[in-house]
Amino acid sequence: MIRCRLCSSLALSFFEHNHRNYERCTHCSLIQLRRSQCPNLEEEKAEYMLHNNDPYDPRYRRFLRGVTQAMIQWLIEEQRVSPDILDFGSGSGPAISVVLGEQGWNVHNYDPLYSPDKKHIQRKYDLISSTEVVEHFYEPKLSWELLFSLLKDDGCLVVMTQSSDRYCTSESFGRWRYIREKSHVALYHTKTMQWLAQHYDMHLSILSPNIFWFAKEINPNEDSLS
C-alpha cells in the first residue's frame, strides 16, 4: 500500500512515463513522484544550474512580481518595526531579498544548496516567502512542518508553485511542462493547499492560481479556508 508523503492517506497510481511513476493522494490530492525515483543531490543541483535566476533580470522580476508585491503591500500595511523576513529556498539568484532590499527591508536567505547557514532556520519570522520550492520537497510533511514552525504567532507565509488543478487526468498531466523538470517531485492541487491550511491551523488566501498566502490563525478553531 502506497501512502501520501504529506498526509499519510492512501495514494493510488496515477501516471507513468519514462520510468517515472506518480501517485495521487485520495485525500489531499497531492501528486508525488515515487520516492525511490527522486533525483539524488548531484542530479538535483545539476538541474538547478540550468536556470538563470538573475535577480536583476526584468523578466525574472516580472515572474516573481505577484509574490514581491503581495509581500511589500503586507509590510506597508502591517507597519512592523524591523520585521524578520526569510526567503526559504532562495536559490542561486536570491531575487526576493534584492527586490525587498531596494524598498528598505532586510531579508535573510536560506537555501540548503546555495545559502545553507542553518542559523536562519533556528529563529522565527514575521514573513516568509518560498517561490518555486515546495515542488522540490522529497518529504513534504517534514518540510512543510519546518516552514510553518518558522513563523511567529502572527506570521505569514507566501508560496509560489504551479498548481495541478488543470492537470487532473493522466492525459493532461502527461502534457504538463512542469513535470519535465525531474526534481519537481511534489505537485499540489488547490485542495492540497486547503488541506495544509486546515491541518496546520492556517488561514489560506489564494492570490492567484499559483500563489498561496498562509496566515497563522488567531483563533485556530474557526474555519481556516477562504
C-alpha atoms as a PDB file:
ATOM      1  CA  MET A   1       0.000   0.000   0.000  1.00  0.00           C
ATOM      2  CA  ILE A   2       1.364   3.410  -1.019  1.00  0.00           C
ATOM      3  CA  ARG A   3       0.976   6.298   1.414  1.00  0.00           C
ATOM      4  CA  CYS A   4       0.948  10.008   0.682  1.00  0.00           C
ATOM      5  CA  ARG A   5       4.171  11.576   1.959  1.00  0.00           C
ATOM      6  CA  LEU A   6       2.220  14.629   3.079  1.00  0.00           C
ATOM      7  CA  CYS A   7      -0.951  13.438   4.833  1.00  0.00           C
ATOM      8  CA  SER A   8      -0.233   9.662   5.072  1.00  0.00           C
ATOM      9  CA  SER A   9      -3.503   8.743   3.348  1.00  0.00           C
ATOM     10  CA  LEU A  10      -3.791   6.164   0.594  1.00  0.00           C
ATOM     11  CA  ALA A  11      -2.146   7.168  -2.700  1.00  0.00           C
ATOM     12  CA  LEU A  12      -3.052   5.485  -5.966  1.00  0.00           C
ATOM     13  CA  SER A  13      -1.050   5.040  -9.133  1.00  0.00           C
ATOM     14  CA  PHE A  14      -1.812   7.986 -11.419  1.00  0.00           C
ATOM     15  CA  PHE A  15       0.728   8.391 -14.231  1.00  0.00           C
ATOM     16  CA  GLU A  16       3.796   6.629 -15.613  1.00  0.00           C
ATOM     17  CA  HIS A  17       6.249   7.835 -18.238  1.00  0.00           C
ATOM     18  CA  ASN A  18       9.950   7.240 -18.895  1.00  0.00           C
ATOM     19  CA  HIS A  19      10.308   5.053 -15.804  1.00  0.00           C
ATOM     20  CA  ARG A  20       8.810   7.770 -13.588  1.00  0.00           C
ATOM     21  CA  ASN A  21       5.768   6.767 -11.558  1.00  0.00           C
ATOM     22  CA  TYR A  22       3.434   9.305  -9.991  1.00  0.00           C
ATOM     23  CA  GLU A  23       0.843   8.597  -7.332  1.00  0.00           C
ATOM     24  CA  ARG A  24      -2.107  10.803  -6.346  1.00  0.00           C
ATOM     25  CA  CYS A  25      -3.398  11.025  -2.802  1.00  0.00           C
ATOM     26  CA  THR A  26      -7.042  10.066  -2.351  1.00  0.00           C
ATOM     27  CA  HIS A  27      -7.414  12.603   0.461  1.00  0.00           C
ATOM     28  CA  CYS A  28      -5.296  15.749  -0.045  1.00  0.00           C
ATOM     29  CA  SER A  29      -4.797  15.389  -3.847  1.00  0.00           C
ATOM     30  CA  LEU A  30      -1.013  15.721  -3.713  1.00  0.00           C
ATOM     31  CA  ILE A  31       0.659  14.082  -6.710  1.00  0.00           C
ATOM     32  CA  GLN A  32       4.037  12.630  -5.742  1.00  0.00           C
ATOM     33  CA  LEU A  33       6.830  11.026  -7.693  1.00  0.00           C
ATOM     34  CA  ARG A  34       7.674   7.619  -6.287  1.00  0.00           C
ATOM     35  CA  ARG A  35      10.251   8.219  -3.568  1.00  0.00           C
ATOM     36  CA  SER A  36      12.795   5.741  -4.939  1.00  0.00           C
ATOM     37  CA  GLN A  37      12.799   7.653  -8.251  1.00  0.00           C
ATOM     38  CA  CYS A  38      13.578  11.093  -6.831  1.00  0.00           C
ATOM     39  CA  PRO A  39      16.884  12.528  -8.118  1.00  0.00           C
ATOM     40  CA  ASN A  40      19.937  12.448  -5.892  1.00  0.00           C
ATOM     41  CA  LEU A  41      21.538  15.659  -4.671  1.00  0.00           C
ATOM     42  CA  GLU A  42      24.053  15.855  -7.512  1.00  0.00           C
ATOM     43  CA  GLU A  43      21.356  15.385 -10.152  1.00  0.00           C
ATOM     44  CA  GLU A  44      19.154  17.975  -8.490  1.00  0.00           C
ATOM     45  CA  LYS A  45      21.913  20.563  -8.324  1.00  0.00           C
ATOM     46  CA  ALA A  46      22.893  19.944 -11.955  1.00  0.00           C
ATOM     47  CA  GLU A  47      19.304  20.690 -12.942  1.00  0.00           C
ATOM     48  CA  TYR A  48      19.267  23.911 -10.917  1.00  0.00           C
ATOM     49  CA  MET A  49      22.378  25.094 -12.759  1.00  0.00           C
ATOM     50  CA  LEU A  50      20.364  25.123 -15.984  1.00  0.00           C
ATOM     51  CA  HIS A  51      18.288  28.020 -14.624  1.00  0.00           C
ATOM     52  CA  ASN A  52      19.392  31.622 -14.997  1.00  0.00           C
ATOM     53  CA  ASN A  53      17.734  33.257 -11.981  1.00  0.00           C
ATOM     54  CA  ASP A  54      19.371  36.661 -12.172  1.00  0.00           C
ATOM     55  CA  PRO A  55      17.763  38.936  -9.545  1.00  0.00           C
ATOM     56  CA  TYR A  56      18.360  41.931 -11.825  1.00  0.00           C
ATOM     57  CA  ASP A  57      16.763  40.325 -14.888  1.00  0.00           C
ATOM     58  CA  PRO A  58      13.488  42.219 -15.600  1.00  0.00           C
ATOM     59  CA  ARG A  59      11.827  39.022 -16.851  1.00  0.00           C
ATOM     60  CA  TYR A  60      12.651  37.145 -13.657  1.00  0.00           C
ATOM     61  CA  ARG A  61      11.379  40.061 -11.602  1.00  0.00           C
ATOM     62  CA  ARG A  62       8.115  40.050 -13.544  1.00  0.00           C
ATOM     63  CA  PHE A  63       7.802  36.340 -12.875  1.00  0.00           C
ATOM     64  CA  LEU A  64       8.072  36.979  -9.125  1.00  0.00           C
ATOM     65  CA  ARG A  65       6.002  40.182  -9.086  1.00  0.00           C
ATOM     66  CA  GLY A  66       2.873  38.557  -7.677  1.00  0.00           C
ATOM     67  CA  VAL A  67       4.882  37.452  -4.641  1.00  0.00           C
ATOM     68  CA  THR A  68       7.012  40.554  -4.137  1.00  0.00           C
ATOM     69  CA  GLN A  69       4.068  42.960  -4.500  1.00  0.00           C
ATOM     70  CA  ALA A  70       1.990  40.960  -2.006  1.00  0.00           C
ATOM     71  CA  MET A  71       4.886  40.970   0.465  1.00  0.00           C
ATOM     72  CA  ILE A  72       5.510  44.702   0.086  1.00  0.00           C
ATOM     73  CA  GLN A  73       1.818  45.511   0.487  1.00  0.00           C
ATOM     74  CA  TRP A  74       1.632  43.414   3.665  1.00  0.00           C
ATOM     75  CA  LEU A  75       4.777  45.013   5.101  1.00  0.00           C
ATOM     76  CA  ILE A  76       3.445  48.518   4.421  1.00  0.00           C
ATOM     77  CA  GLU A  77       0.039  47.738   5.918  1.00  0.00           C
ATOM     78  CA  GLU A  78       1.453  45.985   8.979  1.00  0.00           C
ATOM     79  CA  GLN A  79       3.997  48.737   9.717  1.00  0.00           C
ATOM     80  CA  ARG A  80       6.115  46.397  11.815  1.00  0.00           C
ATOM     81  CA  VAL A  81       9.367  47.797  13.136  1.00  0.00           C
ATOM     82  CA  SER A  82      12.339  45.890  11.688  1.00  0.00           C
ATOM     83  CA  PRO A  83      10.303  42.841  10.590  1.00  0.00           C
ATOM     84  CA  ASP A  84      12.066  39.494  10.389  1.00  0.00           C
ATOM     85  CA  ILE A  85      11.785  38.216   6.807  1.00  0.00           C
ATOM     86  CA  LEU A  86      13.062  34.972   5.291  1.00  0.00           C
ATOM     87  CA  ASP A  87      13.302  33.752   1.704  1.00  0.00           C
ATOM     88  CA  PHE A  88      13.206  29.976   2.148  1.00  0.00           C
ATOM     89  CA  GLY A  89      14.821  28.261  -0.834  1.00  0.00           C
ATOM     90  CA  SER A  90      16.381  31.446  -2.149  1.00  0.00           C
ATOM     91  CA  GLY A  91      18.359  29.601  -4.819  1.00  0.00           C
ATOM     92  CA  SER A  92      21.400  30.794  -6.742  1.00  0.00           C
ATOM     93  CA  GLY A  93      19.828  34.192  -7.532  1.00  0.00           C
ATOM     94  CA  PRO A  94      18.102  35.475  -4.380  1.00  0.00           C
ATOM     95  CA  ALA A  95      15.771  37.933  -6.096  1.00  0.00           C
ATOM     96  CA  ILE A  96      13.295  38.358  -3.245  1.00  0.00           C
ATOM     97  CA  SER A  97      15.974  39.807  -0.961  1.00  0.00           C
ATOM     98  CA  VAL A  98      17.179  42.126  -3.718  1.00  0.00           C
ATOM     99  CA  VAL A  99      13.723  43.461  -4.620  1.00  0.00           C
ATOM    100  CA  LEU A 100      12.654  43.984  -0.997  1.00  0.00           C
ATOM    101  CA  GLY A 101      16.088  45.339  -0.133  1.00  0.00           C
ATOM    102  CA  GLU A 102      15.587  48.078  -2.705  1.00  0.00           C
ATOM    103  CA  GLN A 103      12.489  49.071  -0.724  1.00  0.00           C
ATOM    104  CA  GLY A 104      14.427  49.190   2.539  1.00  0.00           C
ATOM    105  CA  TRP A 105      13.651  45.769   4.025  1.00  0.00           C
ATOM    106  CA  ASN A 106      16.274  43.252   5.070  1.00  0.00           C
ATOM    107  CA  VAL A 107      15.627  39.655   4.023  1.00  0.00           C
ATOM    108  CA  HIS A 108      17.504  36.591   5.251  1.00  0.00           C
ATOM    109  CA  ASN A 109      18.233  33.939   2.629  1.00  0.00           C
ATOM    110  CA  TYR A 110      18.182  30.214   3.293  1.00  0.00           C
ATOM    111  CA  ASP A 111      18.799  27.516   0.728  1.00  0.00           C
ATOM    112  CA  PRO A 112      20.173  24.036   1.505  1.00  0.00           C
ATOM    113  CA  LEU A 113      22.467  24.250  -1.533  1.00  0.00           C
ATOM    114  CA  TYR A 114      23.321  27.920  -2.008  1.00  0.00           C
ATOM    115  CA  SER A 115      22.791  29.579   1.400  1.00  0.00           C
ATOM    116  CA  PRO A 116      22.949  26.661   3.850  1.00  0.00           C
ATOM    117  CA  ASP A 117      23.549  28.604   7.072  1.00  0.00           C
ATOM    118  CA  LYS A 118      21.195  26.794   9.457  1.00  0.00           C
ATOM    119  CA  LYS A 119      21.062  29.691  11.895  1.00  0.00           C
ATOM    120  CA  HIS A 120      18.401  31.117   9.566  1.00  0.00           C
ATOM    121  CA  ILE A 121      16.093  28.177  10.261  1.00  0.00           C
ATOM    122  CA  GLN A 122      16.560  28.337  14.002  1.00  0.00           C
ATOM    123  CA  ARG A 123      14.531  31.500  14.597  1.00  0.00           C
ATOM    124  CA  LYS A 124      11.038  32.874  13.964  1.00  0.00           C
ATOM    125  CA  TYR A 125       9.860  35.235  11.235  1.00  0.00           C
ATOM    126  CA  ASP A 126       7.101  37.753  10.582  1.00  0.00           C
ATOM    127  CA  LEU A 127       7.042  36.928   6.880  1.00  0.00           C
ATOM    128  CA  ILE A 128       8.419  34.041   4.817  1.00  0.00           C
ATOM    129  CA  SER A 129       8.493  33.605   1.052  1.00  0.00           C
ATOM    130  CA  SER A 130       9.055  30.312  -0.748  1.00  0.00           C
ATOM    131  CA  THR A 131       8.944  30.594  -4.529  1.00  0.00           C
ATOM    132  CA  GLU A 132       9.186  27.547  -6.788  1.00  0.00           C
ATOM    133  CA  VAL A 133      10.455  25.476  -3.866  1.00  0.00           C
ATOM    134  CA  VAL A 134       7.727  23.268  -2.391  1.00  0.00           C
ATOM    135  CA  GLU A 135       7.516  21.153  -5.543  1.00  0.00           C
ATOM    136  CA  HIS A 136      11.071  20.010  -4.692  1.00  0.00           C
ATOM    137  CA  PHE A 137      10.072  18.627  -1.284  1.00  0.00           C
ATOM    138  CA  TYR A 138      11.005  14.936  -1.286  1.00  0.00           C
ATOM    139  CA  GLU A 139       9.475  14.577   2.177  1.00  0.00           C
ATOM    140  CA  PRO A 140       6.721  17.206   2.071  1.00  0.00           C
ATOM    141  CA  LYS A 141       5.306  16.559   5.540  1.00  0.00           C
ATOM    142  CA  LEU A 142       8.640  17.275   7.227  1.00  0.00           C
ATOM    143  CA  SER A 143       9.428  20.260   5.004  1.00  0.00           C
ATOM    144  CA  TRP A 144       6.025  21.936   5.432  1.00  0.00           C
ATOM    145  CA  GLU A 145       6.191  21.412   9.180  1.00  0.00           C
ATOM    146  CA  LEU A 146       9.574  23.142   9.186  1.00  0.00           C
ATOM    147  CA  LEU A 147       8.217  26.062   7.154  1.00  0.00           C
ATOM    148  CA  PHE A 148       5.225  26.614   9.418  1.00  0.00           C
ATOM    149  CA  SER A 149       7.371  26.229  12.547  1.00  0.00           C
ATOM    150  CA  LEU A 150       9.477  29.220  11.457  1.00  0.00           C
ATOM    151  CA  LEU A 151       6.519  31.630  11.666  1.00  0.00           C
ATOM    152  CA  LYS A 152       5.875  33.894  14.593  1.00  0.00           C
ATOM    153  CA  ASP A 153       2.431  33.609  16.183  1.00  0.00           C
ATOM    154  CA  ASP A 154       1.078  36.269  13.799  1.00  0.00           C
ATOM    155  CA  GLY A 155       3.395  35.452  10.894  1.00  0.00           C
ATOM    156  CA  CYS A 156       2.600  34.814   7.232  1.00  0.00           C
ATOM    157  CA  LEU A 157       3.979  32.529   4.532  1.00  0.00           C
ATOM    158  CA  VAL A 158       3.614  33.158   0.802  1.00  0.00           C
ATOM    159  CA  VAL A 159       4.215  30.209  -1.533  1.00  0.00           C
ATOM    160  CA  MET A 160       4.521  30.163  -5.312  1.00  0.00           C
ATOM    161  CA  THR A 161       4.173  26.855  -7.140  1.00  0.00           C
ATOM    162  CA  GLN A 162       2.279  25.795 -10.243  1.00  0.00           C
ATOM    163  CA  SER A 163      -0.944  24.084  -9.221  1.00  0.00           C
ATOM    164  CA  SER A 164      -2.112  20.826 -10.758  1.00  0.00           C
ATOM    165  CA  ASP A 165      -5.759  21.968 -10.950  1.00  0.00           C
ATOM    166  CA  ARG A 166      -5.805  21.900 -14.758  1.00  0.00           C
ATOM    167  CA  TYR A 167      -3.994  18.561 -14.965  1.00  0.00           C
ATOM    168  CA  CYS A 168      -6.297  16.192 -13.116  1.00  0.00           C
ATOM    169  CA  THR A 169      -6.367  13.456 -15.756  1.00  0.00           C
ATOM    170  CA  SER A 170      -3.402  11.303 -16.650  1.00  0.00           C
ATOM    171  CA  GLU A 171      -3.656  12.553 -20.240  1.00  0.00           C
ATOM    172  CA  SER A 172      -3.469  16.238 -19.331  1.00  0.00           C
ATOM    173  CA  PHE A 173      -0.848  15.578 -16.644  1.00  0.00           C
ATOM    174  CA  GLY A 174       1.386  13.954 -19.240  1.00  0.00           C
ATOM    175  CA  ARG A 175       1.335  17.178 -21.272  1.00  0.00           C
ATOM    176  CA  TRP A 176       2.246  19.395 -18.327  1.00  0.00           C
ATOM    177  CA  ARG A 177       5.634  21.030 -18.876  1.00  0.00           C
ATOM    178  CA  TYR A 178       6.128  21.393 -15.130  1.00  0.00           C
ATOM    179  CA  ILE A 179       6.811  17.674 -14.698  1.00  0.00           C
ATOM    180  CA  ARG A 180       9.587  17.774 -17.295  1.00  0.00           C
ATOM    181  CA  GLU A 181      11.877  19.082 -14.553  1.00  0.00           C
ATOM    182  CA  LYS A 182      12.983  15.926 -12.812  1.00  0.00           C
ATOM    183  CA  SER A 183      13.290  17.495  -9.370  1.00  0.00           C
ATOM    184  CA  HIS A 184       9.623  18.528  -9.390  1.00  0.00           C
ATOM    185  CA  VAL A 185       8.524  15.617  -7.252  1.00  0.00           C
ATOM    186  CA  ALA A 186       5.528  17.006  -5.303  1.00  0.00           C
ATOM    187  CA  LEU A 187       2.699  18.600  -7.277  1.00  0.00           C
ATOM    188  CA  TYR A 188      -0.025  20.499  -5.447  1.00  0.00           C
ATOM    189  CA  HIS A 189      -3.726  20.923  -6.169  1.00  0.00           C
ATOM    190  CA  THR A 190      -5.683  23.775  -4.584  1.00  0.00           C
ATOM    191  CA  LYS A 191      -7.262  21.054  -2.441  1.00  0.00           C
ATOM    192  CA  THR A 192      -3.776  20.203  -1.156  1.00  0.00           C
ATOM    193  CA  MET A 193      -3.230  23.793  -0.067  1.00  0.00           C
ATOM    194  CA  GLN A 194      -6.630  23.796   1.623  1.00  0.00           C
ATOM    195  CA  TRP A 195      -5.719  20.600   3.450  1.00  0.00           C
ATOM    196  CA  LEU A 196      -2.461  22.180   4.627  1.00  0.00           C
ATOM    197  CA  ALA A 197      -4.288  25.244   5.930  1.00  0.00           C
ATOM    198  CA  GLN A 198      -6.863  23.184   7.771  1.00  0.00           C
ATOM    199  CA  HIS A 199      -4.379  20.686   9.184  1.00  0.00           C
ATOM    200  CA  TYR A 200      -1.907  23.304  10.423  1.00  0.00           C
ATOM    201  CA  ASP A 201      -4.471  25.876  11.626  1.00  0.00           C
ATOM    202  CA  MET A 202      -3.660  28.447   8.979  1.00  0.00           C
ATOM    203  CA  HIS A 203      -5.846  30.901   7.082  1.00  0.00           C
ATOM    204  CA  LEU A 204      -5.406  30.437   3.331  1.00  0.00           C
ATOM    205  CA  SER A 205      -5.799  33.180   0.744  1.00  0.00           C
ATOM    206  CA  ILE A 206      -5.365  32.261  -2.915  1.00  0.00           C
ATOM    207  CA  LEU A 207      -3.768  35.304  -4.557  1.00  0.00           C
ATOM    208  CA  SER A 208      -3.585  33.672  -7.993  1.00  0.00           C
ATOM    209  CA  PRO A 209      -3.791  30.095  -9.311  1.00  0.00           C
ATOM    210  CA  ASN A 210      -0.100  29.694  -8.396  1.00  0.00           C
ATOM    211  CA  ILE A 211       0.344  31.942  -5.331  1.00  0.00           C
ATOM    212  CA  PHE A 212      -0.891  30.911  -1.894  1.00  0.00           C
ATOM    213  CA  TRP A 213      -0.801  33.057   1.249  1.00  0.00           C
ATOM    214  CA  PHE A 214      -0.893  31.318   4.622  1.00  0.00           C
ATOM    215  CA  ALA A 215      -1.504  33.326   7.792  1.00  0.00           C
ATOM    216  CA  LYS A 216      -1.391  31.926  11.301  1.00  0.00           C
ATOM    217  CA  GLU A 217      -4.852  31.671  12.818  1.00  0.00           C
ATOM    218  CA  ILE A 218      -5.511  33.774  15.898  1.00  0.00           C
ATOM    219  CA  ASN A 219      -8.492  31.544  16.680  1.00  0.00           C
ATOM    220  CA  PRO A 220      -7.499  28.170  15.147  1.00  0.00           C
ATOM    221  CA  ASN A 221     -10.877  26.580  15.939  1.00  0.00           C
ATOM    222  CA  GLU A 222     -12.535  28.793  13.332  1.00  0.00           C
ATOM    223  CA  ASP A 223     -12.790  27.774   9.692  1.00  0.00           C
ATOM    224  CA  SER A 224      -9.357  28.339   8.121  1.00  0.00           C
ATOM    225  CA  LEU A 225     -10.332  28.323   4.461  1.00  0.00           C
ATOM    226  CA  SER A 226     -11.296  31.312   2.384  1.00  0.00           C
END
